[in-house]
Amino acid sequence: MIKKQYMILTDEQIDYIATNLQFYGVSQGELKDDLLDHICTYIETGQFNDFETAYKAALQQFGGHHAFSSIQRETFMEVHLKNYLKRKKVTYIAVFVTVLLFISGAVFKIFHWPGAMILLFFSFISLALFLLPVYLVQRYKNAERKFTSNH
């Protein structure tokens, strides 16, 4: 039975890989660490005779050094899209609650039921303290995005 020989990477080789990842445009810390770990694991578990051959094979395994910037871009977009969708969800819930409070307050006011002013008060507080600032920030971000995309 032949025992499989694993390549052990030196600290200099790991630093070389990390420096190359930085050079290839991977600047996000967590993504850089994950890619470094995957590349090192691929090299150490593969059956390679020398580091250069193993490193080139590892780069090809991940789509070449040109793929690293697209991996970073996709990761960045995925994280920001997730946060954007979370903010949108919270905004829609707040709009729903505000409209519900306002309509309930209006109906209570029309029928002269008690609690109408409290419902209307909280709907206006929600509008003034949450929805209006969120709307203004979103409008500012859209204007800024349009300005930067035109220049």
C-alpha atoms as a PDB file:
ATOM      1  CA  MET A   1       0.000   0.000   0.000  1.00  0.00           C
ATOM      2  CA  ILE A   2       1.397   3.356  -1.063  1.00  0.00           C
ATOM      3  CA  LYS A   3       1.047   6.116   1.479  1.00  0.00           C
ATOM      4  CA  LYS A   4      -0.100   9.438   0.049  1.00  0.00           C
ATOM      5  CA  GLN A   5       2.476  12.211   0.503  1.00  0.00           C
ATOM      6  CA  TYR A   6       1.021  15.625   1.349  1.00  0.00           C
ATOM      7  CA  MET A   7       2.767  18.872   0.601  1.00  0.00           C
ATOM      8  CA  ILE A   8       3.338  21.057   3.652  1.00  0.00           C
ATOM      9  CA  LEU A   9       3.310  24.764   2.865  1.00  0.00           C
ATOM     10  CA  THR A  10       5.832  27.056   4.494  1.00  0.00           C
ATOM     11  CA  ASP A  11       4.935  30.434   5.956  1.00  0.00           C
ATOM     12  CA  GLU A  12       6.718  32.120   3.040  1.00  0.00           C
ATOM     13  CA  GLN A  13       4.586  30.203   0.526  1.00  0.00           C
ATOM     14  CA  ILE A  14       1.395  31.111   2.379  1.00  0.00           C
ATOM     15  CA  ASP A  15       2.495  34.763   2.454  1.00  0.00           C
ATOM     16  CA  TYR A  16       3.234  34.536  -1.280  1.00  0.00           C
ATOM     17  CA  ILE A  17      -0.306  33.274  -1.958  1.00  0.00           C
ATOM     18  CA  ALA A  18      -1.827  35.973   0.286  1.00  0.00           C
ATOM     19  CA  THR A  19       0.204  38.689  -1.445  1.00  0.00           C
ATOM     20  CA  ASN A  20      -0.888  37.421  -4.854  1.00  0.00           C
ATOM     21  CA  LEU A  21      -4.534  37.434  -3.780  1.00  0.00           C
ATOM     22  CA  GLN A  22      -4.118  41.073  -2.770  1.00  0.00           C
ATOM     23  CA  PHE A  23      -2.395  41.768  -6.100  1.00  0.00           C
ATOM     24  CA  TYR A  24      -5.237  40.072  -8.010  1.00  0.00           C
ATOM     25  CA  GLY A  25      -7.725  42.456  -6.394  1.00  0.00           C
ATOM     26  CA  VAL A  26      -9.108  40.440  -3.486  1.00  0.00           C
ATOM     27  CA  SER A  27      -9.240  43.023  -0.716  1.00  0.00           C
ATOM     28  CA  GLN A  28     -12.179  41.892   1.450  1.00  0.00           C
ATOM     29  CA  GLY A  29     -10.638  40.336   4.551  1.00  0.00           C
ATOM     30  CA  GLU A  30     -12.997  37.423   5.097  1.00  0.00           C
ATOM     31  CA  LEU A  31     -13.134  36.501   1.410  1.00  0.00           C
ATOM     32  CA  LYS A  32      -9.346  36.747   1.162  1.00  0.00           C
ATOM     33  CA  ASP A  33      -8.943  34.432   4.164  1.00  0.00           C
ATOM     34  CA  ASP A  34     -11.435  31.930   2.724  1.00  0.00           C
ATOM     35  CA  LEU A  35      -9.746  31.883  -0.685  1.00  0.00           C
ATOM     36  CA  LEU A  36      -6.326  31.557   0.947  1.00  0.00           C
ATOM     37  CA  ASP A  37      -7.589  28.621   2.996  1.00  0.00           C
ATOM     38  CA  HIS A  38      -9.124  26.898  -0.048  1.00  0.00           C
ATOM     39  CA  ILE A  39      -6.008  27.364  -2.170  1.00  0.00           C
ATOM     40  CA  CYS A  40      -3.708  26.120   0.606  1.00  0.00           C
ATOM     41  CA  THR A  41      -5.944  23.114   1.235  1.00  0.00           C
ATOM     42  CA  TYR A  42      -6.032  22.302  -2.481  1.00  0.00           C
ATOM     43  CA  ILE A  43      -2.240  22.496  -2.704  1.00  0.00           C
ATOM     44  CA  GLU A  44      -1.627  20.498   0.477  1.00  0.00           C
ATOM     45  CA  THR A  45      -4.054  17.693  -0.374  1.00  0.00           C
ATOM     46  CA  GLY A  46      -3.073  17.403  -4.030  1.00  0.00           C
ATOM     47  CA  GLN A  47      -0.343  15.166  -5.362  1.00  0.00           C
ATOM     48  CA  PHE A  48       2.156  17.739  -6.536  1.00  0.00           C
ATOM     49  CA  ASN A  49       5.924  17.622  -6.639  1.00  0.00           C
ATOM     50  CA  ASP A  50       6.684  21.331  -6.340  1.00  0.00           C
ATOM     51  CA  PHE A  51       4.973  24.473  -5.126  1.00  0.00           C
ATOM     52  CA  GLU A  52       4.884  26.322  -8.469  1.00  0.00           C
ATOM     53  CA  THR A  53       3.031  23.503 -10.247  1.00  0.00           C
ATOM     54  CA  ALA A  54       0.643  23.136  -7.321  1.00  0.00           C
ATOM     55  CA  TYR A  55      -0.004  26.880  -7.163  1.00  0.00           C
ATOM     56  CA  LYS A  56      -0.707  27.134 -10.893  1.00  0.00           C
ATOM     57  CA  ALA A  57      -3.069  24.148 -10.671  1.00  0.00           C
ATOM     58  CA  ALA A  58      -4.853  25.750  -7.701  1.00  0.00           C
ATOM     59  CA  LEU A  59      -5.296  28.999  -9.635  1.00  0.00           C
ATOM     60  CA  GLN A  60      -6.766  27.088 -12.573  1.00  0.00           C
ATOM     61  CA  GLN A  61      -9.057  25.206 -10.194  1.00  0.00           C
ATOM     62  CA  PHE A  62     -10.576  28.533  -9.147  1.00  0.00           C
ATOM     63  CA  GLY A  63     -10.869  29.847 -12.702  1.00  0.00           C
ATOM     64  CA  GLY A  64      -7.545  31.626 -12.973  1.00  0.00           C
ATOM     65  CA  HIS A  65      -6.447  34.855 -11.367  1.00  0.00           C
ATOM     66  CA  HIS A  66      -8.966  36.840 -13.430  1.00  0.00           C
ATOM     67  CA  ALA A  67     -11.823  35.051 -11.650  1.00  0.00           C
ATOM     68  CA  PHE A  68     -10.832  36.393  -8.232  1.00  0.00           C
ATOM     69  CA  SER A  69     -12.072  39.912  -8.925  1.00  0.00           C
ATOM     70  CA  SER A  70     -15.391  38.559 -10.199  1.00  0.00           C
ATOM     71  CA  ILE A  71     -15.674  36.319  -7.112  1.00  0.00           C
ATOM     72  CA  GLN A  72     -15.125  39.384  -4.933  1.00  0.00           C
ATOM     73  CA  ARG A  73     -17.637  41.429  -6.922  1.00  0.00           C
ATOM     74  CA  GLU A  74     -20.271  38.669  -6.704  1.00  0.00           C
ATOM     75  CA  THR A  75     -19.695  38.255  -2.970  1.00  0.00           C
ATOM     76  CA  PHE A  76     -19.942  42.016  -2.458  1.00  0.00           C
ATOM     77  CA  MET A  77     -23.175  42.202  -4.458  1.00  0.00           C
ATOM     78  CA  GLU A  78     -24.677  39.226  -2.644  1.00  0.00           C
ATOM     79  CA  VAL A  79     -23.957  40.689   0.789  1.00  0.00           C
ATOM     80  CA  HIS A  80     -25.258  44.133  -0.146  1.00  0.00           C
ATOM     81  CA  LEU A  81     -28.308  42.713  -1.904  1.00  0.00           C
ATOM     82  CA  LYS A  82     -29.174  40.747   1.217  1.00  0.00           C
ATOM     83  CA  ASN A  83     -28.896  43.896   3.368  1.00  0.00           C
ATOM     84  CA  TYR A  84     -30.877  45.916   0.821  1.00  0.00           C
ATOM     85  CA  LEU A  85     -33.690  43.349   0.796  1.00  0.00           C
ATOM     86  CA  LYS A  86     -33.744  43.311   4.594  1.00  0.00           C
ATOM     87  CA  ARG A  87     -34.075  47.108   4.704  1.00  0.00           C
ATOM     88  CA  LYS A  88     -36.839  47.012   2.084  1.00  0.00           C
ATOM     89  CA  LYS A  89     -38.745  44.403   4.088  1.00  0.00           C
ATOM     90  CA  VAL A  90     -38.559  46.488   7.269  1.00  0.00           C
ATOM     91  CA  THR A  91     -39.634  49.576   5.311  1.00  0.00           C
ATOM     92  CA  TYR A  92     -42.658  47.813   3.810  1.00  0.00           C
ATOM     93  CA  ILE A  93     -43.714  46.540   7.226  1.00  0.00           C
ATOM     94  CA  ALA A  94     -43.380  50.046   8.683  1.00  0.00           C
ATOM     95  CA  VAL A  95     -45.405  51.524   5.815  1.00  0.00           C
ATOM     96  CA  PHE A  96     -48.090  48.893   6.352  1.00  0.00           C
ATOM     97  CA  VAL A  97     -48.263  49.590  10.099  1.00  0.00           C
ATOM     98  CA  THR A  98     -48.349  53.364   9.542  1.00  0.00           C
ATOM     99  CA  VAL A  99     -51.125  53.130   6.959  1.00  0.00           C
ATOM    100  CA  LEU A 100     -53.044  50.700   9.161  1.00  0.00           C
ATOM    101  CA  LEU A 101     -52.763  53.082  12.126  1.00  0.00           C
ATOM    102  CA  PHE A 102     -53.852  56.035  10.008  1.00  0.00           C
ATOM    103  CA  ILE A 103     -56.846  54.265   8.442  1.00  0.00           C
ATOM    104  CA  SER A 104     -57.900  52.843  11.808  1.00  0.00           C
ATOM    105  CA  GLY A 105     -57.594  56.285  13.382  1.00  0.00           C
ATOM    106  CA  ALA A 106     -59.629  57.849  10.565  1.00  0.00           C
ATOM    107  CA  VAL A 107     -62.374  55.218  10.893  1.00  0.00           C
ATOM    108  CA  PHE A 108     -62.417  55.635  14.677  1.00  0.00           C
ATOM    109  CA  LYS A 109     -62.626  59.424  14.230  1.00  0.00           C
ATOM    110  CA  ILE A 110     -65.495  59.167  11.712  1.00  0.00           C
ATOM    111  CA  PHE A 111     -67.516  56.973  14.076  1.00  0.00           C
ATOM    112  CA  HIS A 112     -66.491  59.031  17.140  1.00  0.00           C
ATOM    113  CA  TRP A 113     -65.022  56.001  18.891  1.00  0.00           C
ATOM    114  CA  PRO A 114     -62.514  56.416  21.708  1.00  0.00           C
ATOM    115  CA  GLY A 115     -58.842  56.053  20.830  1.00  0.00           C
ATOM    116  CA  ALA A 116     -59.037  57.786  17.462  1.00  0.00           C
ATOM    117  CA  MET A 117     -56.573  60.517  18.367  1.00  0.00           C
ATOM    118  CA  ILE A 118     -54.082  58.024  19.806  1.00  0.00           C
ATOM    119  CA  LEU A 119     -54.107  56.001  16.572  1.00  0.00           C
ATOM    120  CA  LEU A 120     -53.729  59.129  14.442  1.00  0.00           C
ATOM    121  CA  PHE A 121     -50.990  60.449  16.722  1.00  0.00           C
ATOM    122  CA  PHE A 122     -48.939  57.240  16.447  1.00  0.00           C
ATOM    123  CA  SER A 123     -49.430  57.102  12.683  1.00  0.00           C
ATOM    124  CA  PHE A 124     -48.021  60.636  12.340  1.00  0.00           C
ATOM    125  CA  ILE A 125     -45.167  59.849  14.748  1.00  0.00           C
ATOM    126  CA  SER A 126     -44.300  56.785  12.652  1.00  0.00           C
ATOM    127  CA  LEU A 127     -44.472  58.883   9.516  1.00  0.00           C
ATOM    128  CA  ALA A 128     -42.286  61.664  10.916  1.00  0.00           C
ATOM    129  CA  LEU A 129     -39.704  59.570  12.759  1.00  0.00           C
ATOM    130  CA  PHE A 130     -39.313  56.607  10.435  1.00  0.00           C
ATOM    131  CA  LEU A 131     -40.857  56.815   6.994  1.00  0.00           C
ATOM    132  CA  LEU A 132     -39.894  60.373   6.097  1.00  0.00           C
ATOM    133  CA  PRO A 133     -36.198  59.952   7.066  1.00  0.00           C
ATOM    134  CA  VAL A 134     -36.012  56.599   5.266  1.00  0.00           C
ATOM    135  CA  TYR A 135     -37.566  58.153   2.167  1.00  0.00           C
ATOM    136  CA  LEU A 136     -35.139  61.087   2.221  1.00  0.00           C
ATOM    137  CA  VAL A 137     -32.092  58.837   2.704  1.00  0.00           C
ATOM    138  CA  GLN A 138     -33.228  56.551  -0.109  1.00  0.00           C
ATOM    139  CA  ARG A 139     -33.798  59.521  -2.384  1.00  0.00           C
ATOM    140  CA  TYR A 140     -30.329  60.863  -1.549  1.00  0.00           C
ATOM    141  CA  LYS A 141     -28.721  57.478  -2.288  1.00  0.00           C
ATOM    142  CA  ASN A 142     -30.534  57.238  -5.635  1.00  0.00           C
ATOM    143  CA  ALA A 143     -29.443  60.758  -6.589  1.00  0.00           C
ATOM    144  CA  GLU A 144     -25.868  59.982  -5.559  1.00  0.00           C
ATOM    145  CA  ARG A 145     -25.921  56.727  -7.555  1.00  0.00           C
ATOM    146  CA  LYS A 146     -27.204  58.554 -10.651  1.00  0.00           C
ATOM    147  CA  PHE A 147     -24.553  61.253 -10.249  1.00  0.00           C
ATOM    148  CA  THR A 148     -21.684  58.751  -9.911  1.00  0.00           C
ATOM    149  CA  SER A 149     -22.919  56.630 -12.820  1.00  0.00           C
ATOM    150  CA  ASN A 150     -23.033  59.701 -15.103  1.00  0.00           C
ATOM    151  CA  HIS A 151     -19.458  60.726 -14.262  1.00  0.00           C
END
